[in-house]
Amino acid sequence: MSSRQVLLYYAWSRPSETSALLSVIEDRFPAIFELRRLFYPRFELLSDPAAIDQGVAGFLDHIQKPNFAAFVEQAETQTDHPVIQVERVIDDGTVTALDDALIAGVDTIVVISFVSFRTEQKASDTEIEAVRRFLSNPDHLIFVCPHHDIGEAIDVTADKRVERQTAEYLHHGDRASPPRQGFGGFARTLLAGLGVPVENRYGLRPAVAADSSPAPIEAERSLDDLGLLHEVETFNLHPHLPQFERIGEAEGRMDVLARQPIDLTAPPHPFTQEGAHEL
């Protein structure tokens, strides 16, 4: 890691996310005021409207981005370089594309695709080609993170849709996530353009050990040529971890390095009812 330059790319459109109607509970981030009400008094340190935007913008700045603060600190410590952090579309509509100009001099790219499907963020042909050129250097790495797609229920009646979404909601157990919340459009189009398409489906609750710590992952260490899972025995206990399904040509080109057991003591989920025990 020494001397590497890391780029953390938030692939969202801030104006598209912050302008989401608060009267519509699906397919948007929560607002700060909603989290304060839902989890009182946990977020009361963010309660001053003169200092903290109480809407979705406040959530992006004071909840979402700080989730990556520990990663940024660790990366900067290990590389001796400040991590470059970029939002794809900022408040005034200015777009910073993931193109040659942005990634020049970068060794490692992390794409955080916490982007609502509703905002239709997609990787352009220019961006895909720029990433292809970037990856032509065998020393370069890119991590693409689509996140989850919760509550997708198409071609069913309204009653069946509610039934399906309720089952998923009760399974993951995160009160802050609405019945339907799909993320990752930018990441999915980027991966498809690179020839390794995936579907990010569901939001599954990970299993825990007897002491309530994360259950061990099932790692294919023989496939881990880069040592990405060196000394990694568990993932975290985020309540709605996505299940990634390789589709098309990705089935033959993408290795699965790790699987995380699902909490089978949680309320039943359609995925586990089909016999699946890991994601």
Protein backbone atom coordinates (compact mmCIF):
# COMPACT_ATOMS: atom_id res chain seq x y z
CA MET A 1 0.00 0.00 0.00
CA SER A 2 2.95 2.33 0.50
CA SER A 3 2.82 5.35 -1.83
CA ARG A 4 -0.43 4.27 -3.55
CA GLN A 5 -2.97 6.95 -4.42
CA VAL A 6 -6.56 6.02 -3.55
CA LEU A 7 -9.69 7.59 -5.08
CA LEU A 8 -13.00 7.21 -3.23
CA TYR A 9 -15.74 7.92 -5.77
CA TYR A 10 -19.29 8.52 -4.52
CA ALA A 11 -21.28 7.79 -7.66
CA TRP A 12 -24.45 9.56 -6.55
CA SER A 13 -26.10 12.72 -7.83
CA ARG A 14 -26.59 14.95 -4.81
CA PRO A 15 -29.36 17.10 -6.33
CA SER A 16 -31.26 14.02 -7.46
CA GLU A 17 -30.99 12.44 -4.03
CA THR A 18 -31.68 15.53 -1.93
CA SER A 19 -34.71 16.54 -4.02
CA ALA A 20 -36.51 13.24 -3.38
CA LEU A 21 -40.02 13.83 -2.06
CA LEU A 22 -40.16 13.10 1.66
CA SER A 23 -43.81 12.16 1.22
CA VAL A 24 -42.69 9.09 -0.76
CA ILE A 25 -41.08 6.57 1.55
CA GLU A 26 -39.56 4.29 -1.09
CA ASP A 27 -36.38 4.61 -3.18
CA ARG A 28 -34.70 7.40 -1.29
CA PHE A 29 -32.32 8.03 1.58
CA PRO A 30 -33.85 8.94 4.93
CA ALA A 31 -33.65 12.50 6.19
CA ILE A 32 -31.86 13.45 9.39
CA PHE A 33 -35.13 14.42 11.05
CA GLU A 34 -36.54 10.97 10.27
CA LEU A 35 -33.58 9.20 11.88
CA ARG A 36 -33.85 11.43 14.93
CA ARG A 37 -37.50 10.50 15.33
CA LEU A 38 -36.99 6.81 14.59
CA PHE A 39 -33.96 6.23 16.82
CA TYR A 40 -34.39 8.92 19.48
CA PRO A 41 -32.15 9.97 21.23
CA ARG A 42 -29.29 8.37 19.29
CA PHE A 43 -28.93 11.18 16.71
CA GLU A 44 -29.76 14.19 18.87
CA LEU A 45 -26.21 15.48 18.42
CA LEU A 46 -27.35 16.29 14.87
CA SER A 47 -30.50 18.12 15.95
CA ASP A 48 -29.43 21.78 15.48
CA PRO A 49 -31.08 22.95 12.22
CA ALA A 50 -28.79 26.00 12.10
CA ALA A 51 -25.74 23.73 11.88
CA ILE A 52 -27.07 20.50 10.37
CA ASP A 53 -29.37 20.15 7.37
CA GLN A 54 -32.31 18.14 8.70
CA GLY A 55 -33.15 16.67 5.28
CA VAL A 56 -31.53 14.13 2.97
CA ALA A 57 -28.46 16.33 2.43
CA GLY A 58 -27.75 16.14 6.14
CA PHE A 59 -27.93 12.37 5.96
CA LEU A 60 -25.41 12.23 3.10
CA ASP A 61 -22.96 14.54 4.85
CA HIS A 62 -23.31 13.46 8.48
CA ILE A 63 -24.31 9.80 8.30
CA GLN A 64 -23.41 8.32 4.94
CA LYS A 65 -19.99 9.82 4.19
CA PRO A 66 -18.73 9.43 7.78
CA ASN A 67 -19.38 5.69 7.39
CA PHE A 68 -16.19 5.65 5.32
CA ALA A 69 -14.10 7.81 7.65
CA ALA A 70 -12.31 4.85 9.23
CA PHE A 71 -11.42 3.48 5.79
CA VAL A 72 -10.09 6.86 4.68
CA GLU A 73 -8.00 7.20 7.84
CA GLN A 74 -6.54 3.72 7.47
CA ALA A 75 -5.81 4.19 3.77
CA GLU A 76 -4.05 7.49 4.39
CA THR A 77 -1.98 5.93 7.16
CA GLN A 78 -0.90 3.02 4.98
CA THR A 79 -0.24 5.00 1.79
CA ASP A 80 1.13 8.28 3.19
CA HIS A 81 -1.21 10.07 0.76
CA PRO A 82 -4.51 11.84 1.32
CA VAL A 83 -7.44 9.90 -0.12
CA ILE A 84 -9.11 11.76 -3.00
CA GLN A 85 -12.86 11.93 -2.32
CA VAL A 86 -15.20 12.91 -5.16
CA GLU A 87 -18.97 13.10 -5.54
CA ARG A 88 -20.17 12.40 -9.07
CA VAL A 89 -22.73 15.24 -9.17
CA ILE A 90 -22.52 18.03 -6.62
CA ASP A 91 -25.30 20.35 -5.45
CA ASP A 92 -25.03 22.82 -8.35
CA GLY A 93 -25.25 20.02 -10.92
CA THR A 94 -21.55 19.94 -11.82
CA VAL A 95 -20.58 16.42 -12.92
CA THR A 96 -17.16 14.93 -12.22
CA ALA A 97 -16.98 11.87 -14.41
CA LEU A 98 -14.86 8.82 -13.70
CA ASP A 99 -12.68 9.59 -16.69
CA ASP A 100 -9.02 9.84 -17.66
CA ALA A 101 -8.68 13.32 -16.18
CA LEU A 102 -9.91 12.20 -12.76
CA ILE A 103 -8.04 8.92 -12.45
CA ALA A 104 -4.68 10.08 -13.79
CA GLY A 105 -2.09 9.34 -11.12
CA VAL A 106 -4.46 7.07 -9.18
CA ASP A 107 -3.54 3.47 -8.30
CA THR A 108 -6.69 2.30 -6.50
CA ILE A 109 -10.31 3.29 -7.18
CA VAL A 110 -13.18 2.55 -4.81
CA VAL A 111 -16.59 3.18 -6.36
CA ILE A 112 -19.28 3.67 -3.72
CA SER A 113 -22.47 3.17 -5.70
CA PHE A 114 -24.93 4.28 -3.03
CA VAL A 115 -26.99 5.69 -5.89
CA SER A 116 -30.74 5.25 -6.00
CA PHE A 117 -32.00 3.49 -9.12
CA ARG A 118 -34.54 6.33 -9.26
CA THR A 119 -31.77 8.81 -10.19
CA GLU A 120 -30.66 6.73 -13.22
CA GLN A 121 -26.91 7.17 -12.72
CA LYS A 122 -25.08 5.22 -15.43
CA ALA A 123 -21.46 4.80 -16.42
CA SER A 124 -20.89 6.34 -19.84
CA ASP A 125 -18.95 4.67 -22.63
CA THR A 126 -16.18 7.22 -22.05
CA GLU A 127 -15.94 6.26 -18.38
CA ILE A 128 -15.96 2.54 -19.11
CA GLU A 129 -13.14 2.94 -21.63
CA ALA A 130 -11.17 5.09 -19.17
CA VAL A 131 -11.47 2.37 -16.52
CA ARG A 132 -10.43 -0.25 -19.07
CA ARG A 133 -7.28 1.74 -19.80
CA PHE A 134 -6.70 2.17 -16.08
CA LEU A 135 -6.92 -1.60 -15.55
CA SER A 136 -4.49 -2.30 -18.38
CA ASN A 137 -1.82 -1.56 -15.77
CA PRO A 138 -1.60 -4.79 -13.72
CA ASP A 139 -0.69 -2.76 -10.62
CA HIS A 140 -4.03 -0.92 -10.67
CA LEU A 141 -7.09 -1.98 -8.69
CA ILE A 142 -10.75 -0.98 -8.72
CA PHE A 143 -13.36 -1.98 -6.15
CA VAL A 144 -16.94 -1.58 -7.37
CA CYS A 145 -19.65 -1.71 -4.72
CA PRO A 146 -23.29 -1.85 -5.95
CA HIS A 147 -24.86 -2.39 -2.49
CA HIS A 148 -28.40 -3.71 -2.09
CA ASP A 149 -31.71 -3.88 -3.92
CA ILE A 150 -34.43 -4.37 -1.30
CA GLY A 151 -38.11 -4.95 -2.00
CA GLU A 152 -38.01 -5.53 -5.75
CA ALA A 153 -41.31 -7.20 -6.65
CA ILE A 154 -42.36 -6.90 -10.26
CA ASP A 155 -45.13 -8.62 -12.18
CA VAL A 156 -47.12 -9.36 -9.01
CA THR A 157 -50.38 -8.05 -7.59
CA ALA A 158 -50.35 -5.20 -5.09
CA ASP A 159 -51.16 -7.60 -2.24
CA LYS A 160 -48.32 -9.94 -3.18
CA ARG A 161 -45.96 -6.96 -3.46
CA VAL A 162 -46.77 -5.86 0.09
CA GLU A 163 -46.40 -9.44 1.31
CA ARG A 164 -42.99 -9.81 -0.33
CA GLN A 165 -41.70 -6.45 0.87
CA THR A 166 -42.92 -7.07 4.41
CA ALA A 167 -41.07 -10.40 4.51
CA GLU A 168 -37.84 -8.75 3.36
CA TYR A 169 -38.25 -5.85 5.79
CA LEU A 170 -38.82 -8.12 8.77
CA HIS A 171 -35.87 -10.31 7.76
CA HIS A 172 -33.21 -7.58 7.61
CA GLY A 173 -34.74 -5.70 10.54
CA ASP A 174 -33.39 -2.22 9.74
CA ARG A 175 -36.16 0.21 10.63
CA ALA A 176 -34.49 2.99 8.61
CA SER A 177 -34.81 1.10 5.31
CA PRO A 178 -38.16 1.46 3.53
CA PRO A 179 -40.10 -1.36 1.82
CA ARG A 180 -38.40 -0.69 -1.49
CA GLN A 181 -34.87 0.72 -1.80
CA GLY A 182 -32.69 -0.05 -4.80
CA PHE A 183 -29.09 1.12 -5.04
CA GLY A 184 -26.20 0.63 -7.42
CA GLY A 185 -27.19 1.63 -10.94
CA PHE A 186 -23.82 3.23 -11.69
CA ALA A 187 -21.90 0.22 -10.40
CA ARG A 188 -24.03 -2.25 -12.30
CA THR A 189 -23.56 -0.43 -15.60
CA LEU A 190 -19.82 -0.07 -14.98
CA LEU A 191 -19.40 -3.77 -14.22
CA ALA A 192 -21.50 -4.70 -17.25
CA GLY A 193 -19.36 -2.45 -19.44
CA LEU A 194 -16.23 -4.17 -18.12
CA GLY A 195 -17.65 -7.56 -19.04
CA VAL A 196 -18.55 -8.81 -15.55
CA PRO A 197 -22.26 -8.00 -15.10
CA VAL A 198 -23.97 -8.73 -11.77
CA GLU A 199 -27.39 -8.35 -10.23
CA ASN A 200 -27.34 -6.99 -6.68
CA ARG A 201 -30.38 -8.53 -5.08
CA TYR A 202 -32.04 -8.59 -1.69
CA GLY A 203 -30.71 -7.38 1.65
CA LEU A 204 -29.93 -10.33 3.86
CA ARG A 205 -29.14 -10.44 7.56
CA PRO A 206 -25.72 -12.00 8.24
CA ALA A 207 -25.35 -14.84 10.72
CA VAL A 208 -23.80 -14.33 14.15
CA ALA A 209 -21.69 -16.59 16.33
CA ALA A 210 -22.73 -17.66 19.83
CA ASP A 211 -21.08 -14.56 21.33
CA SER A 212 -23.00 -12.27 18.88
CA SER A 213 -19.88 -11.55 16.82
CA PRO A 214 -20.00 -11.97 13.03
CA ALA A 215 -20.01 -15.59 11.90
CA PRO A 216 -16.87 -16.65 9.98
CA ILE A 217 -16.93 -16.22 6.21
CA GLU A 218 -16.46 -19.12 3.84
CA ALA A 219 -13.38 -18.03 1.87
CA GLU A 220 -11.91 -19.54 -1.28
CA ARG A 221 -8.36 -18.60 -0.39
CA SER A 222 -6.86 -20.58 -3.25
CA LEU A 223 -8.47 -18.07 -5.64
CA ASP A 224 -7.30 -15.00 -3.70
CA ASP A 225 -4.22 -14.19 -5.80
CA LEU A 226 -4.04 -10.60 -4.49
CA GLY A 227 -4.31 -11.58 -0.83
CA LEU A 228 -7.43 -9.45 -0.38
CA LEU A 229 -8.67 -11.74 2.38
CA HIS A 230 -5.33 -12.11 4.16
CA GLU A 231 -6.14 -12.45 7.88
CA VAL A 232 -9.80 -11.63 7.13
CA GLU A 233 -12.01 -14.13 8.94
CA THR A 234 -15.32 -12.25 9.15
CA PHE A 235 -17.25 -9.42 7.52
CA ASN A 236 -19.42 -6.97 9.43
CA LEU A 237 -22.98 -7.30 10.71
CA HIS A 238 -24.61 -4.67 8.55
CA PRO A 239 -28.28 -5.77 8.66
CA HIS A 240 -28.98 -5.88 4.92
CA LEU A 241 -26.00 -7.20 3.03
CA PRO A 242 -26.55 -7.67 -0.70
CA GLN A 243 -26.50 -10.96 -2.52
CA PHE A 244 -24.59 -10.64 -5.79
CA GLU A 245 -25.58 -12.88 -8.68
CA ARG A 246 -23.15 -13.29 -11.55
CA ILE A 247 -24.97 -13.11 -14.86
CA GLY A 248 -23.97 -13.66 -18.47
CA GLU A 249 -20.26 -13.69 -19.15
CA ALA A 250 -19.48 -12.87 -15.51
CA GLU A 251 -20.15 -16.50 -14.59
CA GLY A 252 -16.93 -17.54 -16.31
CA ARG A 253 -14.86 -14.41 -15.65
CA MET A 254 -15.59 -13.50 -12.02
CA ASP A 255 -14.32 -15.55 -9.07
CA VAL A 256 -16.28 -15.69 -5.82
CA LEU A 257 -13.70 -15.26 -3.05
CA ALA A 258 -16.02 -15.32 -0.04
CA ARG A 259 -19.52 -16.20 1.05
CA GLN A 260 -21.16 -14.96 4.21
CA PRO A 261 -23.64 -17.17 6.06
CA ILE A 262 -27.20 -15.86 6.42
CA ASP A 263 -28.91 -15.63 9.81
CA LEU A 264 -31.40 -18.48 9.58
CA THR A 265 -32.91 -17.51 12.94
CA ALA A 266 -34.15 -14.24 11.43
CA PRO A 267 -37.70 -14.04 10.08
CA PRO A 268 -37.92 -16.03 6.82
CA HIS A 269 -36.87 -14.45 3.55
CA PRO A 270 -37.82 -15.66 0.03
CA PHE A 271 -34.14 -16.31 -0.72
CA THR A 272 -33.67 -18.59 2.31
CA GLN A 273 -36.99 -20.29 1.67
CA GLU A 274 -35.56 -21.38 -1.66
CA GLY A 275 -32.87 -23.25 0.28
CA ALA A 276 -30.03 -20.69 0.20
CA HIS A 277 -27.93 -20.39 3.37
CA GLU A 278 -25.22 -17.96 2.30
CA LEU A 279 -24.67 -14.81 0.24
